[in-house]
C-alpha atoms as a PDB file:
ATOM      1  CA  ASP A   1     220.759 138.743 133.124  1.00  0.00           C
ATOM      2  CA  TYR A   2     224.155 136.998 133.247  1.00  0.00           C
ATOM      3  CA  GLY A   3     225.829 138.636 130.102  1.00  0.00           C
ATOM      4  CA  THR A   4     228.993 140.667 129.964  1.00  0.00           C
ATOM      5  CA  VAL A   5     229.138 143.531 132.467  1.00  0.00           C
ATOM      6  CA  ILE A   6     231.985 145.517 130.671  1.00  0.00           C
ATOM      7  CA  SER A   7     233.819 145.125 127.441  1.00  0.00           C
ATOM      8  CA  ARG A   8     237.173 146.831 127.234  1.00  0.00           C
ATOM      9  CA  ILE A   9     240.381 146.479 125.207  1.00  0.00           C
ATOM     10  CA  ASP A  10     243.810 148.005 125.960  1.00  0.00           C
ATOM     11  CA  ILE A  11     246.739 147.890 123.646  1.00  0.00           C
ATOM     12  CA  VAL A  12     249.936 148.716 125.611  1.00  0.00           C
ATOM     13  CA  ARG A  13     253.608 148.986 124.649  1.00  0.00           C
ATOM     14  CA  ALA A  14     256.185 147.627 127.125  1.00  0.00           C
ATOM     15  CA  VAL A  15     258.619 150.334 128.147  1.00  0.00           C
ATOM     16  CA  ARG A  16     262.327 150.138 128.641  1.00  0.00           C
ATOM     17  CA  ALA A  17     263.959 151.184 131.961  1.00  0.00           C
ATOM     18  CA  GLY A  18     263.838 154.959 132.340  1.00  0.00           C
ATOM     19  CA  GLU A  19     261.065 155.474 129.969  1.00  0.00           C
ATOM     20  CA  SER A  20     257.939 157.233 131.152  1.00  0.00           C
ATOM     21  CA  TYR A  21     254.827 155.211 131.365  1.00  0.00           C
ATOM     22  CA  GLN A  22     251.270 155.078 132.405  1.00  0.00           C
ATOM     23  CA  THR A  23     249.943 152.831 135.135  1.00  0.00           C
ATOM     24  CA  LEU A  24     247.189 150.223 134.375  1.00  0.00           C
ATOM     25  CA  PRO A  25     245.452 147.829 136.704  1.00  0.00           C
ATOM     26  CA  PHE A  26     247.358 144.366 136.662  1.00  0.00           C
ATOM     27  CA  VAL A  27     250.169 145.801 134.555  1.00  0.00           C
ATOM     28  CA  ARG A  28     253.432 146.346 136.415  1.00  0.00           C
ATOM     29  CA  PRO A  29     255.003 148.756 136.296  1.00  0.00           C
ATOM     30  CA  GLY A  30     252.798 149.992 133.386  1.00  0.00           C
ATOM     31  CA  GLY A  31     253.339 150.762 129.762  1.00  0.00           C
ATOM     32  CA  GLU A  32     252.642 153.253 126.960  1.00  0.00           C
ATOM     33  CA  ILE A  33     248.958 153.196 126.230  1.00  0.00           C
ATOM     34  CA  LEU A  34     248.524 152.909 122.446  1.00  0.00           C
ATOM     35  CA  LEU A  35     244.710 152.162 122.475  1.00  0.00           C
ATOM     36  CA  ARG A  36     242.114 151.989 125.285  1.00  0.00           C
ATOM     37  CA  LEU A  37     238.413 151.657 124.498  1.00  0.00           C
ATOM     38  CA  HIS A  38     235.383 150.365 126.131  1.00  0.00           C
ATOM     39  CA  GLY A  39     231.975 149.354 124.986  1.00  0.00           C
ATOM     40  CA  TRP A  40     231.253 146.279 122.945  1.00  0.00           C
ATOM     41  CA  PRO A  41     230.823 147.907 119.511  1.00  0.00           C
ATOM     42  CA  LYS A  42     234.211 149.535 119.718  1.00  0.00           C
ATOM     43  CA  VAL A  43     235.917 146.504 121.288  1.00  0.00           C
ATOM     44  CA  GLU A  44     234.424 144.234 118.574  1.00  0.00           C
ATOM     45  CA  THR A  45     235.733 146.682 115.851  1.00  0.00           C
ATOM     46  CA  VAL A  46     239.216 146.518 117.279  1.00  0.00           C
ATOM     47  CA  LEU A  47     239.056 142.653 117.311  1.00  0.00           C
ATOM     48  CA  PHE A  48     238.010 142.758 113.717  1.00  0.00           C
ATOM     49  CA  ALA A  49     240.871 145.123 112.908  1.00  0.00           C
ATOM     50  CA  ILE A  50     243.298 142.688 114.645  1.00  0.00           C
ATOM     51  CA  ASP A  51     241.805 139.829 112.542  1.00  0.00           C
ATOM     52  CA  ALA A  52     242.356 141.714 109.385  1.00  0.00           C
ATOM     53  CA  ILE A  53     246.068 142.475 110.430  1.00  0.00           C
ATOM     54  CA  GLU A  54     246.581 138.735 111.148  1.00  0.00           C
ATOM     55  CA  ALA A  55     244.954 137.955 107.736  1.00  0.00           C
ATOM     56  CA  LEU A  56     247.832 140.008 106.197  1.00  0.00           C
ATOM     57  CA  GLY A  57     250.276 137.590 107.838  1.00  0.00           C
ATOM     58  CA  ILE A  58     251.457 140.327 110.433  1.00  0.00           C
ATOM     59  CA  ARG A  59     251.524 139.831 114.053  1.00  0.00           C
ATOM     60  CA  PRO A  60     249.560 142.481 115.808  1.00  0.00           C
ATOM     61  CA  ALA A  61     252.503 142.900 118.288  1.00  0.00           C
ATOM     62  CA  ASP A  62     254.579 143.956 115.296  1.00  0.00           C
ATOM     63  CA  VAL A  63     252.212 146.731 114.080  1.00  0.00           C
ATOM     64  CA  SER A  64     253.274 150.330 114.104  1.00  0.00           C
ATOM     65  CA  PRO A  65     252.293 152.131 117.453  1.00  0.00           C
ATOM     66  CA  ASP A  66     251.042 155.017 115.161  1.00  0.00           C
ATOM     67  CA  HIS A  67     248.331 152.634 113.790  1.00  0.00           C
ATOM     68  CA  TRP A  68     247.039 151.683 117.196  1.00  0.00           C
ATOM     69  CA  ARG A  69     246.897 155.394 118.181  1.00  0.00           C
ATOM     70  CA  HIS A  70     245.123 156.141 114.961  1.00  0.00           C
ATOM     71  CA  LEU A  71     242.675 153.374 115.611  1.00  0.00           C
ATOM     72  CA  HIS A  72     242.065 154.637 119.182  1.00  0.00           C
ATOM     73  CA  ASN A  73     241.550 158.310 118.071  1.00  0.00           C
ATOM     74  CA  ARG A  74     239.187 157.463 115.316  1.00  0.00           C
ATOM     75  CA  LEU A  75     237.090 154.961 117.104  1.00  0.00           C
ATOM     76  CA  SER A  76     236.857 157.288 120.184  1.00  0.00           C
ATOM     77  CA  VAL A  77     235.006 159.754 118.028  1.00  0.00           C
ATOM     78  CA  ASN A  78     233.057 157.205 115.971  1.00  0.00           C
ATOM     79  CA  GLU A  79     234.795 157.977 112.710  1.00  0.00           C
ATOM     80  CA  PRO A  80     236.007 155.448 110.117  1.00  0.00           C
ATOM     81  CA  PHE A  81     239.745 154.391 110.224  1.00  0.00           C
ATOM     82  CA  HIS A  82     242.325 153.391 107.785  1.00  0.00           C
ATOM     83  CA  ALA A  83     243.062 149.708 107.702  1.00  0.00           C
ATOM     84  CA  TYR A  84     246.689 148.701 108.168  1.00  0.00           C
ATOM     85  CA  SER A  85     248.579 147.645 105.092  1.00  0.00           C
ATOM     86  CA  HIS A  86     251.695 145.885 103.950  1.00  0.00           C
ATOM     87  CA  ASP A  87     253.082 149.294 102.698  1.00  0.00           C
ATOM     88  CA  GLN A  88     252.451 150.903 106.042  1.00  0.00           C
ATOM     89  CA  HIS A  89     254.051 148.004 107.699  1.00  0.00           C
ATOM     90  CA  ARG A  90     257.127 148.074 105.588  1.00  0.00           C
ATOM     91  CA  ALA A  91     257.466 151.817 106.221  1.00  0.00           C
ATOM     92  CA  TRP A  92     257.186 151.139 109.952  1.00  0.00           C
ATOM     93  CA  LEU A  93     259.904 148.463 109.938  1.00  0.00           C
ATOM     94  CA  LYS A  94     262.277 150.873 108.043  1.00  0.00           C
ATOM     95  CA  ARG A  95     261.537 153.676 110.479  1.00  0.00           C
ATOM     96  CA  ALA A  96     262.166 151.324 113.462  1.00  0.00           C
ATOM     97  CA  GLU A  97     265.491 150.136 111.850  1.00  0.00           C
ATOM     98  CA  LEU A  98     266.496 153.815 111.754  1.00  0.00           C
ATOM     99  CA  GLY A  99     265.435 154.433 115.315  1.00  0.00           C
ATOM    100  CA  ASP A 100     262.948 157.029 114.496  1.00  0.00           C
ATOM    101  CA  PRO A 101     262.670 159.360 117.416  1.00  0.00           C
ATOM    102  CA  GLY A 102     258.951 159.880 116.767  1.00  0.00           C
ATOM    103  CA  ASP A 103     258.425 156.302 117.860  1.00  0.00           C
ATOM    104  CA  GLU A 104     260.274 154.340 120.383  1.00  0.00           C
ATOM    105  CA  GLY A 105     260.065 151.441 117.922  1.00  0.00           C
ATOM    106  CA  GLU A 106     260.457 148.470 120.161  1.00  0.00           C
ATOM    107  CA  GLY A 107     257.033 147.071 119.294  1.00  0.00           C
ATOM    108  CA  ARG A 108     258.823 144.573 117.183  1.00  0.00           C
END
């Protein structure tokens, strides 16, 4: 009777001046939405994925934006996803150092 009304999680990258962004309630001016899911089973899965990333000794804020997009896309259609790994993280850090144009790379 008095339980949770809605379960939702958004993972958003802060944008630099001049970058395009999406608007979100209570986020000014907005940001690049990397993951946006609702419903307790999906939110819980994201929270477990965040716990697994932290167990690797990696801060979730430092994770590749591509991983959050992957997680969003797979969970949106109820498909399994790939867990984040140290190898993937090292590759992301190297790409970010090089200023990969495929990712704005300021998630670090």
